């Protein structure tokens, strides 16, 4: 997928990418220069939504198990 940069420095995000990442007009993007590569990362306004899906999974179950162990030690 390609897009063109306008004279004002604007570009269009292809619709397939907007749909895949659920991007809307109010969303923000972070631009990172990594050597000769430019990475664009969507930044969610809600930090909980931003973290969702990044963990190993099962965090709630692990937390409940740890709390149960703590209660048993008392």
Protein backbone atom coordinates (compact mmCIF):
# COMPACT_ATOMS: atom_id res chain seq x y z
CA UNK A 1 0.00 0.00 0.00
CA UNK A 2 1.23 3.47 -0.82
CA UNK A 3 0.15 7.02 -0.25
CA UNK A 4 1.42 10.37 -1.47
CA UNK A 5 2.59 13.30 0.65
CA UNK A 6 0.92 16.58 -0.27
CA UNK A 7 2.64 19.98 -0.48
CA UNK A 8 1.38 20.65 3.06
CA UNK A 9 3.02 17.45 4.37
CA UNK A 10 -0.24 15.52 4.69
CA UNK A 11 -0.92 11.95 3.61
CA UNK A 12 -3.85 9.54 3.59
CA UNK A 13 -3.84 6.35 5.65
CA UNK A 14 -5.17 3.58 3.39
CA UNK A 15 -8.64 2.40 4.39
CA UNK A 16 -7.45 -1.20 4.94
CA UNK A 17 -5.01 0.02 7.59
CA UNK A 18 -7.61 2.31 9.21
CA UNK A 19 -10.06 -0.58 9.41
CA UNK A 20 -7.50 -3.11 10.70
CA UNK A 21 -6.35 -0.80 13.52
CA UNK A 22 -9.83 0.71 14.11
CA UNK A 23 -8.53 4.24 13.48
CA UNK A 24 -10.91 7.19 13.43
CA UNK A 25 -10.37 10.89 12.61
CA UNK A 26 -9.75 11.81 16.28
CA UNK A 27 -7.07 9.14 16.86
CA UNK A 28 -3.43 10.15 17.20
CA UNK A 29 -0.33 8.59 15.65
CA UNK A 30 3.22 8.46 16.97
CA UNK A 31 6.03 8.68 14.41
CA UNK A 32 9.30 6.96 15.31
CA UNK A 33 12.51 7.21 13.28
CA UNK A 34 14.45 3.95 13.53
CA UNK A 35 17.59 4.41 11.44
CA UNK A 36 16.33 4.67 7.88
CA UNK A 37 12.86 3.34 8.74
CA UNK A 38 9.83 5.36 9.85
CA UNK A 39 7.42 3.52 12.16
CA UNK A 40 3.91 4.85 12.74
CA UNK A 41 2.16 3.66 15.89
CA UNK A 42 -1.48 4.34 16.80
CA UNK A 43 -1.79 5.93 20.24
CA UNK A 44 -5.03 5.26 22.09
CA UNK A 45 -6.36 7.94 24.43
CA UNK A 46 -7.48 5.35 27.00
CA UNK A 47 -4.41 3.71 28.60
CA UNK A 48 -6.40 0.58 29.50
CA UNK A 49 -7.43 0.10 25.86
CA UNK A 50 -3.84 0.71 24.81
CA UNK A 51 -2.58 -2.11 27.04
CA UNK A 52 -5.42 -4.52 26.28
CA UNK A 53 -4.14 -7.55 24.37
CA UNK A 54 -0.46 -6.89 25.11
CA UNK A 55 -0.07 -9.17 28.13
CA UNK A 56 0.47 -12.91 28.30
CA UNK A 57 -3.18 -13.47 29.19
CA UNK A 58 -4.68 -14.88 32.36
CA UNK A 59 -3.58 -11.95 34.55
CA UNK A 60 -6.86 -11.94 36.46
CA UNK A 61 -6.64 -15.65 37.21
CA UNK A 62 -3.03 -15.29 38.38
CA UNK A 63 -3.92 -12.37 40.62
CA UNK A 64 -6.82 -14.26 42.21
CA UNK A 65 -4.60 -17.32 42.76
CA UNK A 66 -1.92 -15.16 44.43
CA UNK A 67 -4.52 -13.54 46.68
CA UNK A 68 -5.85 -16.98 47.67
CA UNK A 69 -2.31 -18.10 48.55
CA UNK A 70 -1.83 -14.97 50.65
CA UNK A 71 -5.08 -15.67 52.53
CA UNK A 72 -4.00 -19.26 53.19
CA UNK A 73 -0.70 -18.05 54.67
CA UNK A 74 -2.48 -15.87 57.26
